[in-house]
Amino acid sequence: MQLYRELLALGYTGGYHVVHRYVVTNRKGIAVPARSVTPRPRDITSWIMRPQESPNTADVAQLDAVRSACPEIAQACDLAREFTDMLRQRRGRLPRDWIQKAELGGNVPGRPSR
């Protein structure tokens, strides 16, 4: 009951029986661990490719979390956004530099990495 009261104070809106059932199964050692929510690759791609001028706060937060968790996704995100900006702004002279940067994992010789 004490745990339930503490959870209510933190904003929990579920019922007592849910907490009680979890505590009982946890004490018996049979509680099922909470599954982590992993975003689908399709969702991550849509967050990366969405124009930065019209950000969705929830999507930005989720993409930031994914970028923090995985440096490779952060590099891919940066490269994809650079490529998209290059196409949208019709800067056709830059593909060679971008290709070199992509081949080097996001780093251009002579320039510090991000």
N, C-alpha and C. Protein backbone atom coordinates (compact mmCIF):
# COMPACT_ATOMS: atom_id res chain seq x y z
N MET A 1 0.83 -1.19 0.00
CA MET A 1 0.00 0.00 0.00
C MET A 1 0.87 1.26 0.00
N GLN A 2 2.00 1.18 0.74
CA GLN A 2 2.90 2.33 0.81
C GLN A 2 3.45 2.67 -0.58
N LEU A 3 3.88 1.65 -1.30
CA LEU A 3 4.39 1.86 -2.66
C LEU A 3 3.31 2.49 -3.54
N TYR A 4 2.11 1.99 -3.44
CA TYR A 4 1.00 2.54 -4.22
C TYR A 4 0.80 4.02 -3.91
N ARG A 5 0.84 4.39 -2.64
CA ARG A 5 0.68 5.80 -2.26
C ARG A 5 1.80 6.66 -2.84
N GLU A 6 3.02 6.13 -2.80
CA GLU A 6 4.16 6.87 -3.35
C GLU A 6 4.01 7.05 -4.85
N LEU A 7 3.54 6.01 -5.52
CA LEU A 7 3.33 6.10 -6.96
C LEU A 7 2.24 7.11 -7.30
N LEU A 8 1.18 7.13 -6.52
CA LEU A 8 0.12 8.11 -6.73
C LEU A 8 0.66 9.54 -6.61
N ALA A 9 1.52 9.74 -5.63
CA ALA A 9 2.11 11.07 -5.42
C ALA A 9 2.97 11.49 -6.61
N LEU A 10 3.51 10.50 -7.33
CA LEU A 10 4.34 10.78 -8.51
C LEU A 10 3.53 10.91 -9.79
N GLY A 11 2.21 10.74 -9.68
CA GLY A 11 1.35 10.90 -10.85
C GLY A 11 0.81 9.61 -11.44
N TYR A 12 1.06 8.49 -10.81
CA TYR A 12 0.54 7.20 -11.29
C TYR A 12 -0.98 7.24 -11.28
N THR A 13 -1.61 6.78 -12.37
CA THR A 13 -3.06 6.83 -12.46
C THR A 13 -3.70 5.44 -12.49
N GLY A 14 -2.87 4.41 -12.36
CA GLY A 14 -3.39 3.05 -12.38
C GLY A 14 -4.01 2.66 -11.05
N GLY A 15 -4.53 1.46 -11.01
CA GLY A 15 -5.19 0.98 -9.81
C GLY A 15 -4.25 0.27 -8.85
N TYR A 16 -4.71 0.11 -7.62
CA TYR A 16 -3.93 -0.56 -6.58
C TYR A 16 -3.64 -2.01 -6.96
N HIS A 17 -4.63 -2.69 -7.55
CA HIS A 17 -4.45 -4.11 -7.85
C HIS A 17 -3.30 -4.36 -8.82
N VAL A 18 -3.03 -3.43 -9.71
CA VAL A 18 -1.93 -3.59 -10.66
C VAL A 18 -0.59 -3.56 -9.91
N VAL A 19 -0.48 -2.58 -9.01
CA VAL A 19 0.75 -2.46 -8.22
C VAL A 19 0.92 -3.69 -7.32
N HIS A 20 -0.16 -4.09 -6.67
CA HIS A 20 -0.11 -5.24 -5.77
C HIS A 20 0.32 -6.50 -6.52
N ARG A 21 -0.26 -6.73 -7.68
CA ARG A 21 0.06 -7.91 -8.48
C ARG A 21 1.54 -7.88 -8.88
N TYR A 22 2.04 -6.71 -9.25
CA TYR A 22 3.44 -6.61 -9.63
C TYR A 22 4.36 -6.91 -8.44
N VAL A 23 4.04 -6.35 -7.28
CA VAL A 23 4.86 -6.58 -6.08
C VAL A 23 4.88 -8.07 -5.72
N VAL A 24 3.73 -8.72 -5.77
CA VAL A 24 3.66 -10.14 -5.44
C VAL A 24 4.51 -10.96 -6.42
N THR A 25 4.38 -10.72 -7.71
CA THR A 25 5.16 -11.49 -8.69
C THR A 25 6.65 -11.17 -8.57
N ASN A 26 6.97 -9.93 -8.23
CA ASN A 26 8.37 -9.55 -8.06
C ASN A 26 8.98 -10.27 -6.86
N ARG A 27 8.23 -10.36 -5.78
CA ARG A 27 8.72 -11.05 -4.58
C ARG A 27 8.91 -12.55 -4.84
N LYS A 28 8.07 -13.11 -5.67
CA LYS A 28 8.20 -14.53 -6.00
C LYS A 28 9.30 -14.77 -7.03
N GLY A 29 9.81 -13.69 -7.61
CA GLY A 29 10.86 -13.82 -8.62
C GLY A 29 10.36 -14.18 -9.99
N ILE A 30 9.08 -13.96 -10.24
CA ILE A 30 8.51 -14.32 -11.55
C ILE A 30 8.00 -13.10 -12.31
N ALA A 31 8.39 -11.91 -11.88
CA ALA A 31 7.93 -10.70 -12.57
C ALA A 31 8.56 -10.63 -13.95
N VAL A 32 7.78 -10.26 -14.92
CA VAL A 32 8.26 -10.11 -16.28
C VAL A 32 8.91 -8.73 -16.39
N PRO A 33 10.17 -8.67 -16.82
CA PRO A 33 10.80 -7.37 -16.94
C PRO A 33 10.11 -6.50 -17.99
N ALA A 34 10.11 -5.22 -17.75
CA ALA A 34 9.50 -4.28 -18.70
C ALA A 34 10.30 -4.30 -19.99
N ARG A 35 9.59 -4.33 -21.09
CA ARG A 35 10.25 -4.33 -22.39
C ARG A 35 10.59 -2.90 -22.77
N SER A 36 11.77 -2.73 -23.32
CA SER A 36 12.14 -1.41 -23.77
C SER A 36 11.47 -1.15 -25.12
N VAL A 37 11.16 0.08 -25.35
CA VAL A 37 10.51 0.46 -26.60
C VAL A 37 11.59 0.91 -27.56
N THR A 38 11.79 0.13 -28.61
CA THR A 38 12.78 0.47 -29.62
C THR A 38 12.04 1.01 -30.85
N PRO A 39 12.41 2.21 -31.28
CA PRO A 39 11.72 2.76 -32.44
C PRO A 39 11.99 1.92 -33.70
N ARG A 40 11.01 1.88 -34.55
CA ARG A 40 11.17 1.15 -35.81
C ARG A 40 12.09 1.94 -36.74
N PRO A 41 12.88 1.26 -37.57
CA PRO A 41 13.74 1.97 -38.52
C PRO A 41 12.96 2.97 -39.38
N ARG A 42 11.73 2.61 -39.74
CA ARG A 42 10.91 3.50 -40.55
C ARG A 42 10.63 4.82 -39.81
N ASP A 43 10.38 4.73 -38.50
CA ASP A 43 10.13 5.94 -37.70
C ASP A 43 11.38 6.81 -37.63
N ILE A 44 12.53 6.17 -37.37
CA ILE A 44 13.78 6.92 -37.29
C ILE A 44 14.06 7.63 -38.61
N THR A 45 13.84 6.93 -39.72
CA THR A 45 14.05 7.53 -41.03
C THR A 45 13.13 8.72 -41.25
N SER A 46 11.89 8.61 -40.85
CA SER A 46 10.96 9.74 -41.04
C SER A 46 11.36 10.92 -40.17
N TRP A 47 11.88 10.66 -38.96
CA TRP A 47 12.33 11.77 -38.09
C TRP A 47 13.52 12.48 -38.71
N ILE A 48 14.42 11.70 -39.32
CA ILE A 48 15.61 12.29 -39.94
C ILE A 48 15.24 13.11 -41.16
N MET A 49 14.33 12.60 -41.98
CA MET A 49 14.04 13.24 -43.27
C MET A 49 13.00 14.35 -43.18
N ARG A 50 12.34 14.49 -42.06
CA ARG A 50 11.35 15.55 -41.89
C ARG A 50 12.06 16.90 -41.92
N PRO A 51 11.51 17.89 -42.65
CA PRO A 51 12.15 19.21 -42.71
C PRO A 51 12.35 19.80 -41.32
N GLN A 52 13.51 20.36 -41.09
CA GLN A 52 13.83 20.91 -39.78
C GLN A 52 13.10 22.22 -39.50
N GLU A 53 12.52 22.82 -40.53
CA GLU A 53 11.81 24.08 -40.35
C GLU A 53 10.50 23.89 -39.60
N SER A 54 9.93 22.70 -39.68
CA SER A 54 8.65 22.43 -39.01
C SER A 54 8.80 21.24 -38.05
N PRO A 55 9.53 21.45 -36.96
CA PRO A 55 9.79 20.32 -36.07
C PRO A 55 8.57 19.93 -35.22
N ASN A 56 8.41 18.66 -35.02
CA ASN A 56 7.43 18.12 -34.08
C ASN A 56 8.21 17.84 -32.80
N THR A 57 7.84 18.48 -31.71
CA THR A 57 8.60 18.40 -30.47
C THR A 57 8.84 16.96 -30.02
N ALA A 58 7.82 16.12 -30.09
CA ALA A 58 7.96 14.72 -29.67
C ALA A 58 8.94 13.99 -30.57
N ASP A 59 8.86 14.22 -31.88
CA ASP A 59 9.76 13.56 -32.82
C ASP A 59 11.20 14.01 -32.60
N VAL A 60 11.39 15.30 -32.35
CA VAL A 60 12.74 15.83 -32.11
C VAL A 60 13.33 15.18 -30.87
N ALA A 61 12.54 15.05 -29.82
CA ALA A 61 13.02 14.44 -28.58
C ALA A 61 13.39 12.97 -28.80
N GLN A 62 12.56 12.26 -29.56
CA GLN A 62 12.84 10.84 -29.82
C GLN A 62 14.10 10.69 -30.68
N LEU A 63 14.24 11.54 -31.69
CA LEU A 63 15.43 11.46 -32.53
C LEU A 63 16.68 11.81 -31.71
N ASP A 64 16.59 12.79 -30.85
CA ASP A 64 17.73 13.14 -29.99
C ASP A 64 18.13 11.95 -29.11
N ALA A 65 17.14 11.24 -28.60
CA ALA A 65 17.43 10.07 -27.76
C ALA A 65 18.12 8.98 -28.58
N VAL A 66 17.65 8.75 -29.80
CA VAL A 66 18.25 7.73 -30.66
C VAL A 66 19.68 8.14 -31.03
N ARG A 67 19.86 9.43 -31.36
CA ARG A 67 21.20 9.92 -31.72
C ARG A 67 22.16 9.76 -30.55
N SER A 68 21.70 10.01 -29.34
CA SER A 68 22.55 9.88 -28.16
C SER A 68 22.93 8.42 -27.91
N ALA A 69 22.00 7.53 -28.19
CA ALA A 69 22.22 6.10 -27.93
C ALA A 69 23.10 5.44 -28.98
N CYS A 70 23.14 6.02 -30.18
CA CYS A 70 23.86 5.36 -31.27
C CYS A 70 24.61 6.38 -32.12
N PRO A 71 25.93 6.49 -31.95
CA PRO A 71 26.71 7.47 -32.73
C PRO A 71 26.62 7.25 -34.24
N GLU A 72 26.46 5.99 -34.66
CA GLU A 72 26.36 5.72 -36.10
C GLU A 72 25.08 6.33 -36.68
N ILE A 73 23.99 6.28 -35.92
CA ILE A 73 22.75 6.90 -36.39
C ILE A 73 22.92 8.41 -36.42
N ALA A 74 23.64 8.97 -35.46
CA ALA A 74 23.88 10.42 -35.45
C ALA A 74 24.65 10.83 -36.70
N GLN A 75 25.68 10.06 -37.07
CA GLN A 75 26.44 10.35 -38.29
C GLN A 75 25.56 10.23 -39.53
N ALA A 76 24.78 9.16 -39.59
CA ALA A 76 23.89 8.95 -40.74
C ALA A 76 22.88 10.09 -40.84
N CYS A 77 22.38 10.53 -39.70
CA CYS A 77 21.42 11.63 -39.67
C CYS A 77 22.05 12.90 -40.22
N ASP A 78 23.26 13.22 -39.75
CA ASP A 78 23.94 14.42 -40.23
C ASP A 78 24.19 14.35 -41.74
N LEU A 79 24.65 13.20 -42.21
CA LEU A 79 24.92 13.05 -43.64
C LEU A 79 23.64 13.14 -44.47
N ALA A 80 22.58 12.52 -44.00
CA ALA A 80 21.30 12.56 -44.74
C ALA A 80 20.77 13.98 -44.80
N ARG A 81 20.87 14.71 -43.71
CA ARG A 81 20.38 16.09 -43.70
C ARG A 81 21.23 16.99 -44.59
N GLU A 82 22.54 16.79 -44.59
CA GLU A 82 23.40 17.57 -45.48
C GLU A 82 23.04 17.29 -46.94
N PHE A 83 22.83 16.02 -47.26
CA PHE A 83 22.48 15.65 -48.63
C PHE A 83 21.14 16.26 -49.03
N THR A 84 20.18 16.17 -48.14
CA THR A 84 18.85 16.74 -48.42
C THR A 84 18.94 18.24 -48.63
N ASP A 85 19.68 18.93 -47.77
CA ASP A 85 19.85 20.38 -47.91
C ASP A 85 20.54 20.71 -49.24
N MET A 86 21.53 19.90 -49.60
CA MET A 86 22.25 20.11 -50.86
C MET A 86 21.28 20.02 -52.04
N LEU A 87 20.39 19.04 -52.01
CA LEU A 87 19.43 18.87 -53.10
C LEU A 87 18.39 19.99 -53.10
N ARG A 88 17.86 20.32 -51.93
CA ARG A 88 16.82 21.35 -51.85
C ARG A 88 17.34 22.72 -52.27
N GLN A 89 18.60 23.00 -51.95
CA GLN A 89 19.17 24.31 -52.27
C GLN A 89 19.92 24.30 -53.60
N ARG A 90 19.86 23.16 -54.29
CA ARG A 90 20.47 23.00 -55.62
C ARG A 90 21.94 23.40 -55.64
N ARG A 91 22.68 22.86 -54.67
CA ARG A 91 24.12 23.11 -54.60
C ARG A 91 24.82 21.91 -55.21
N GLY A 92 24.77 21.79 -56.53
CA GLY A 92 25.28 20.62 -57.25
C GLY A 92 26.78 20.47 -57.20
N ARG A 93 27.51 21.50 -56.85
CA ARG A 93 28.96 21.41 -56.83
C ARG A 93 29.49 20.68 -55.60
N LEU A 94 28.64 20.44 -54.62
CA LEU A 94 29.08 19.87 -53.36
C LEU A 94 29.04 18.34 -53.26
N PRO A 95 28.44 17.62 -54.21
CA PRO A 95 28.34 16.16 -54.02
C PRO A 95 29.68 15.47 -53.82
N ARG A 96 30.72 15.93 -54.50
CA ARG A 96 32.02 15.26 -54.37
C ARG A 96 32.53 15.36 -52.92
N ASP A 97 32.41 16.54 -52.32
CA ASP A 97 32.81 16.71 -50.92
C ASP A 97 31.95 15.85 -50.01
N TRP A 98 30.64 15.82 -50.29
CA TRP A 98 29.73 15.04 -49.46
C TRP A 98 30.04 13.55 -49.57
N ILE A 99 30.32 13.08 -50.78
CA ILE A 99 30.65 11.66 -50.99
C ILE A 99 31.92 11.30 -50.22
N GLN A 100 32.91 12.17 -50.30
CA GLN A 100 34.16 11.91 -49.56
C GLN A 100 33.89 11.86 -48.06
N LYS A 101 33.08 12.77 -47.58
CA LYS A 101 32.74 12.80 -46.16
C LYS A 101 31.99 11.53 -45.76
N ALA A 102 31.05 11.10 -46.60
CA ALA A 102 30.27 9.89 -46.31
C ALA A 102 31.18 8.66 -46.29
N GLU A 103 32.11 8.60 -47.23
CA GLU A 103 33.03 7.45 -47.27
C GLU A 103 33.94 7.40 -46.05
N LEU A 104 34.22 8.56 -45.48
CA LEU A 104 35.11 8.63 -44.31
C LEU A 104 34.34 8.60 -42.99
N GLY A 105 33.08 8.21 -43.05
CA GLY A 105 32.29 8.10 -41.83
C GLY A 105 31.87 9.43 -41.24
N GLY A 106 31.69 10.43 -42.08
CA GLY A 106 31.23 11.73 -41.61
C GLY A 106 32.34 12.73 -41.35
N ASN A 107 33.59 12.32 -41.55
CA ASN A 107 34.72 13.22 -41.31
C ASN A 107 35.41 13.57 -42.61
N VAL A 108 35.77 14.84 -42.76
CA VAL A 108 36.52 15.30 -43.93
C VAL A 108 37.94 15.59 -43.47
N PRO A 109 38.95 15.09 -44.21
CA PRO A 109 40.32 15.35 -43.81
C PRO A 109 40.59 16.86 -43.69
N GLY A 110 41.29 17.23 -42.64
CA GLY A 110 41.61 18.63 -42.44
C GLY A 110 40.56 19.40 -41.66
N ARG A 111 39.40 18.79 -41.43
CA ARG A 111 38.34 19.43 -40.65
C ARG A 111 38.09 18.62 -39.40
N PRO A 112 37.89 19.29 -38.28
CA PRO A 112 37.58 18.53 -37.07
C PRO A 112 36.21 17.85 -37.19
N SER A 113 36.09 16.67 -36.60
CA SER A 113 34.79 15.97 -36.62
C SER A 113 33.86 16.65 -35.65
N ARG A 114 32.56 16.41 -35.85
CA ARG A 114 31.54 17.03 -35.02
C ARG A 114 31.50 16.45 -33.64
